[in-house]
PDB file of N, CA and C in Angstrom:
ATOM      1  N   UNK A   1     -11.622  -2.179 -15.188  1.00  0.00           N
ATOM      2  CA  UNK A   1     -11.570  -3.045 -14.009  1.00  0.00           C
ATOM      3  C   UNK A   1     -10.117  -3.471 -13.751  1.00  0.00           C
ATOM      4  N   UNK A   2      -9.725  -3.430 -12.520  1.00  0.00           N
ATOM      5  CA  UNK A   2      -8.348  -3.779 -12.154  1.00  0.00           C
ATOM      6  C   UNK A   2      -8.136  -5.288 -12.260  1.00  0.00           C
ATOM      7  N   UNK A   3      -6.977  -5.653 -12.745  1.00  0.00           N
ATOM      8  CA  UNK A   3      -6.650  -7.070 -12.832  1.00  0.00           C
ATOM      9  C   UNK A   3      -6.248  -7.580 -11.446  1.00  0.00           C
ATOM     10  N   UNK A   4      -6.223  -8.882 -11.302  1.00  0.00           N
ATOM     11  CA  UNK A   4      -5.806  -9.475 -10.012  1.00  0.00           C
ATOM     12  C   UNK A   4      -4.411  -9.007  -9.640  1.00  0.00           C
ATOM     13  N   UNK A   5      -3.537  -8.914 -10.643  1.00  0.00           N
ATOM     14  CA  UNK A   5      -2.164  -8.488 -10.380  1.00  0.00           C
ATOM     15  C   UNK A   5      -2.148  -7.055  -9.857  1.00  0.00           C
ATOM     16  N   UNK A   6      -2.967  -6.180 -10.438  1.00  0.00           N
ATOM     17  CA  UNK A   6      -3.041  -4.797  -9.963  1.00  0.00           C
ATOM     18  C   UNK A   6      -3.532  -4.743  -8.529  1.00  0.00           C
ATOM     19  N   UNK A   7      -4.499  -5.565  -8.185  1.00  0.00           N
ATOM     20  CA  UNK A   7      -5.065  -5.562  -6.837  1.00  0.00           C
ATOM     21  C   UNK A   7      -4.055  -6.051  -5.808  1.00  0.00           C
ATOM     22  N   UNK A   8      -3.072  -6.803  -6.239  1.00  0.00           N
ATOM     23  CA  UNK A   8      -2.068  -7.337  -5.322  1.00  0.00           C
ATOM     24  C   UNK A   8      -0.924  -6.350  -5.106  1.00  0.00           C
ATOM     25  N   UNK A   9      -1.004  -5.187  -5.742  1.00  0.00           N
ATOM     26  CA  UNK A   9       0.068  -4.195  -5.669  1.00  0.00           C
ATOM     27  C   UNK A   9      -0.449  -2.871  -5.132  1.00  0.00           C
ATOM     28  N   UNK A  10       0.440  -2.135  -4.492  1.00  0.00           N
ATOM     29  CA  UNK A  10       0.134  -0.784  -4.045  1.00  0.00           C
ATOM     30  C   UNK A  10       0.991   0.152  -4.880  1.00  0.00           C
ATOM     31  N   UNK A  11       0.354   1.018  -5.646  1.00  0.00           N
ATOM     32  CA  UNK A  11       1.098   1.985  -6.457  1.00  0.00           C
ATOM     33  C   UNK A  11       1.428   3.171  -5.555  1.00  0.00           C
ATOM     34  N   UNK A  12       2.657   3.213  -5.075  1.00  0.00           N
ATOM     35  CA  UNK A  12       3.071   4.255  -4.143  1.00  0.00           C
ATOM     36  C   UNK A  12       2.956   5.661  -4.693  1.00  0.00           C
ATOM     37  N   UNK A  13       2.965   5.789  -6.024  1.00  0.00           N
ATOM     38  CA  UNK A  13       2.841   7.104  -6.639  1.00  0.00           C
ATOM     39  C   UNK A  13       1.401   7.524  -6.881  1.00  0.00           C
ATOM     40  N   UNK A  14       0.468   6.639  -6.610  1.00  0.00           N
ATOM     41  CA  UNK A  14      -0.951   6.940  -6.823  1.00  0.00           C
ATOM     42  C   UNK A  14      -1.576   7.340  -5.490  1.00  0.00           C
ATOM     43  N   UNK A  15      -1.912   8.623  -5.361  1.00  0.00           N
ATOM     44  CA  UNK A  15      -2.430   9.119  -4.084  1.00  0.00           C
ATOM     45  C   UNK A  15      -3.657   8.356  -3.598  1.00  0.00           C
ATOM     46  N   UNK A  16      -4.577   8.020  -4.518  1.00  0.00           N
ATOM     47  CA  UNK A  16      -5.786   7.333  -4.085  1.00  0.00           C
ATOM     48  C   UNK A  16      -5.470   5.952  -3.521  1.00  0.00           C
ATOM     49  N   UNK A  17      -4.480   5.272  -4.090  1.00  0.00           N
ATOM     50  CA  UNK A  17      -4.105   3.954  -3.553  1.00  0.00           C
ATOM     51  C   UNK A  17      -3.433   4.090  -2.200  1.00  0.00           C
ATOM     52  N   UNK A  18      -2.595   5.104  -2.076  1.00  0.00           N
ATOM     53  CA  UNK A  18      -1.915   5.345  -0.798  1.00  0.00           C
ATOM     54  C   UNK A  18      -2.952   5.686   0.276  1.00  0.00           C
ATOM     55  N   UNK A  19      -3.909   6.555  -0.057  1.00  0.00           N
ATOM     56  CA  UNK A  19      -4.965   6.933   0.906  1.00  0.00           C
ATOM     57  C   UNK A  19      -5.804   5.725   1.299  1.00  0.00           C
ATOM     58  N   UNK A  20      -6.150   4.896   0.307  1.00  0.00           N
ATOM     59  CA  UNK A  20      -6.944   3.699   0.583  1.00  0.00           C
ATOM     60  C   UNK A  20      -6.211   2.784   1.563  1.00  0.00           C
ATOM     61  N   UNK A  21      -4.950   2.540   1.296  1.00  0.00           N
ATOM     62  CA  UNK A  21      -4.158   1.644   2.146  1.00  0.00           C
ATOM     63  C   UNK A  21      -3.965   2.257   3.536  1.00  0.00           C
ATOM     64  N   UNK A  22      -3.776   3.572   3.581  1.00  0.00           N
ATOM     65  CA  UNK A  22      -3.618   4.260   4.872  1.00  0.00           C
ATOM     66  C   UNK A  22      -4.886   4.114   5.699  1.00  0.00           C
ATOM     67  N   UNK A  23      -6.039   4.318   5.067  1.00  0.00           N
ATOM     68  CA  UNK A  23      -7.316   4.200   5.781  1.00  0.00           C
ATOM     69  C   UNK A  23      -7.546   2.753   6.233  1.00  0.00           C
ATOM     70  N   UNK A  24      -7.244   1.820   5.352  1.00  0.00           N
ATOM     71  CA  UNK A  24      -7.454   0.398   5.629  1.00  0.00           C
ATOM     72  C   UNK A  24      -6.601  -0.075   6.809  1.00  0.00           C
ATOM     73  N   UNK A  25      -5.363   0.435   6.889  1.00  0.00           N
ATOM     74  CA  UNK A  25      -4.449  -0.023   7.933  1.00  0.00           C
ATOM     75  C   UNK A  25      -4.420   0.899   9.147  1.00  0.00           C
ATOM     76  N   UNK A  26      -5.080   2.063   9.040  1.00  0.00           N
ATOM     77  CA  UNK A  26      -5.073   3.014  10.150  1.00  0.00           C
ATOM     78  C   UNK A  26      -3.741   3.727  10.303  1.00  0.00           C
ATOM     79  N   UNK A  27      -2.954   3.759   9.246  1.00  0.00           N
ATOM     80  CA  UNK A  27      -1.646   4.421   9.283  1.00  0.00           C
ATOM     81  C   UNK A  27      -1.673   5.661   8.409  1.00  0.00           C
ATOM     82  N   UNK A  28      -0.622   6.464   8.486  1.00  0.00           N
ATOM     83  CA  UNK A  28      -0.554   7.684   7.677  1.00  0.00           C
ATOM     84  C   UNK A  28      -0.133   7.356   6.249  1.00  0.00           C
ATOM     85  N   UNK A  29      -0.439   8.281   5.347  1.00  0.00           N
ATOM     86  CA  UNK A  29      -0.039   8.102   3.949  1.00  0.00           C
ATOM     87  C   UNK A  29       1.480   8.015   3.835  1.00  0.00           C
ATOM     88  N   UNK A  30       2.196   8.813   4.635  1.00  0.00           N
ATOM     89  CA  UNK A  30       3.659   8.756   4.553  1.00  0.00           C
ATOM     90  C   UNK A  30       4.188   7.413   5.036  1.00  0.00           C
ATOM     91  N   UNK A  31       3.522   6.813   6.026  1.00  0.00           N
ATOM     92  CA  UNK A  31       3.925   5.480   6.490  1.00  0.00           C
ATOM     93  C   UNK A  31       3.726   4.448   5.378  1.00  0.00           C
ATOM     94  N   UNK A  32       2.634   4.593   4.641  1.00  0.00           N
ATOM     95  CA  UNK A  32       2.370   3.673   3.525  1.00  0.00           C
ATOM     96  C   UNK A  32       3.454   3.832   2.461  1.00  0.00           C
ATOM     97  N   UNK A  33       3.781   5.080   2.101  1.00  0.00           N
ATOM     98  CA  UNK A  33       4.808   5.318   1.078  1.00  0.00           C
ATOM     99  C   UNK A  33       6.159   4.771   1.516  1.00  0.00           C
ATOM    100  N   UNK A  34       6.495   4.944   2.790  1.00  0.00           N
ATOM    101  CA  UNK A  34       7.761   4.410   3.304  1.00  0.00           C
ATOM    102  C   UNK A  34       7.769   2.887   3.221  1.00  0.00           C
ATOM    103  N   UNK A  35       6.629   2.273   3.571  1.00  0.00           N
ATOM    104  CA  UNK A  35       6.535   0.814   3.512  1.00  0.00           C
ATOM    105  C   UNK A  35       6.714   0.324   2.081  1.00  0.00           C
ATOM    106  N   UNK A  36       6.109   1.026   1.113  1.00  0.00           N
ATOM    107  CA  UNK A  36       6.243   0.635  -0.296  1.00  0.00           C
ATOM    108  C   UNK A  36       7.706   0.733  -0.718  1.00  0.00           C
ATOM    109  N   UNK A  37       8.382   1.807  -0.298  1.00  0.00           N
ATOM    110  CA  UNK A  37       9.805   1.959  -0.633  1.00  0.00           C
ATOM    111  C   UNK A  37      10.637   0.848  -0.019  1.00  0.00           C
ATOM    112  N   UNK A  38      10.293   0.470   1.205  1.00  0.00           N
ATOM    113  CA  UNK A  38      11.085  -0.509   1.958  1.00  0.00           C
ATOM    114  C   UNK A  38      10.873  -1.945   1.453  1.00  0.00           C
ATOM    115  N   UNK A  39       9.619  -2.335   1.246  1.00  0.00           N
ATOM    116  CA  UNK A  39       9.327  -3.744   0.934  1.00  0.00           C
ATOM    117  C   UNK A  39       8.821  -3.979  -0.487  1.00  0.00           C
ATOM    118  N   UNK A  40       8.674  -2.905  -1.266  1.00  0.00           N
ATOM    119  CA  UNK A  40       8.159  -3.061  -2.623  1.00  0.00           C
ATOM    120  C   UNK A  40       6.653  -2.855  -2.668  1.00  0.00           C
ATOM    121  N   UNK A  41       6.058  -3.123  -3.819  1.00  0.00           N
ATOM    122  CA  UNK A  41       4.652  -2.775  -4.006  1.00  0.00           C
ATOM    123  C   UNK A  41       3.678  -3.903  -3.698  1.00  0.00           C
ATOM    124  N   UNK A  42       4.155  -5.038  -3.224  1.00  0.00           N
ATOM    125  CA  UNK A  42       3.262  -6.140  -2.873  1.00  0.00           C
ATOM    126  C   UNK A  42       2.343  -5.702  -1.738  1.00  0.00           C
ATOM    127  N   UNK A  43       1.028  -5.718  -2.006  1.00  0.00           N
ATOM    128  CA  UNK A  43       0.056  -5.278  -0.994  1.00  0.00           C
ATOM    129  C   UNK A  43       0.198  -6.090   0.290  1.00  0.00           C
ATOM    130  N   UNK A  44       0.410  -7.391   0.146  1.00  0.00           N
ATOM    131  CA  UNK A  44       0.549  -8.267   1.320  1.00  0.00           C
ATOM    132  C   UNK A  44       1.748  -7.844   2.171  1.00  0.00           C
ATOM    133  N   UNK A  45       2.877  -7.587   1.515  1.00  0.00           N
ATOM    134  CA  UNK A  45       4.081  -7.191   2.258  1.00  0.00           C
ATOM    135  C   UNK A  45       3.934  -5.813   2.883  1.00  0.00           C
ATOM    136  N   UNK A  46       3.309  -4.894   2.152  1.00  0.00           N
ATOM    137  CA  UNK A  46       3.105  -3.544   2.678  1.00  0.00           C
ATOM    138  C   UNK A  46       2.224  -3.615   3.928  1.00  0.00           C
ATOM    139  N   UNK A  47       1.135  -4.390   3.859  1.00  0.00           N
ATOM    140  CA  UNK A  47       0.238  -4.510   5.013  1.00  0.00           C
ATOM    141  C   UNK A  47       0.938  -5.183   6.184  1.00  0.00           C
ATOM    142  N   UNK A  48       1.774  -6.176   5.908  1.00  0.00           N
ATOM    143  CA  UNK A  48       2.533  -6.814   6.992  1.00  0.00           C
ATOM    144  C   UNK A  48       3.475  -5.801   7.626  1.00  0.00           C
ATOM    145  N   UNK A  49       4.141  -5.001   6.799  1.00  0.00           N
ATOM    146  CA  UNK A  49       5.076  -3.995   7.280  1.00  0.00           C
ATOM    147  C   UNK A  49       4.360  -2.968   8.159  1.00  0.00           C
ATOM    148  N   UNK A  50       3.124  -2.649   7.790  1.00  0.00           N
ATOM    149  CA  UNK A  50       2.351  -1.653   8.540  1.00  0.00           C
ATOM    150  C   UNK A  50       1.676  -2.268   9.769  1.00  0.00           C
ATOM    151  N   UNK A  51       1.878  -3.557   9.952  1.00  0.00           N
ATOM    152  CA  UNK A  51       1.350  -4.223  11.141  1.00  0.00           C
ATOM    153  C   UNK A  51      -0.132  -4.528  11.083  1.00  0.00           C
ATOM    154  N   UNK A  52      -0.613  -4.839   9.875  1.00  0.00           N
ATOM    155  CA  UNK A  52      -2.029  -5.176   9.744  1.00  0.00           C
ATOM    156  C   UNK A  52      -2.195  -6.677   9.753  1.00  0.00           C
TER     157      UNK A  52
END
């Protein structure tokens, strides 16, 4: 089971996490990876960056 800390992060190197976030935000996987590179792995920041 994922810890709360894990749930608050997006592992940019994990395809399933990238796909999940892409589907959730309606953006492409590459957009998610770029957002992770730009703002770090904080799920909240990545989603804000993707305009969710």
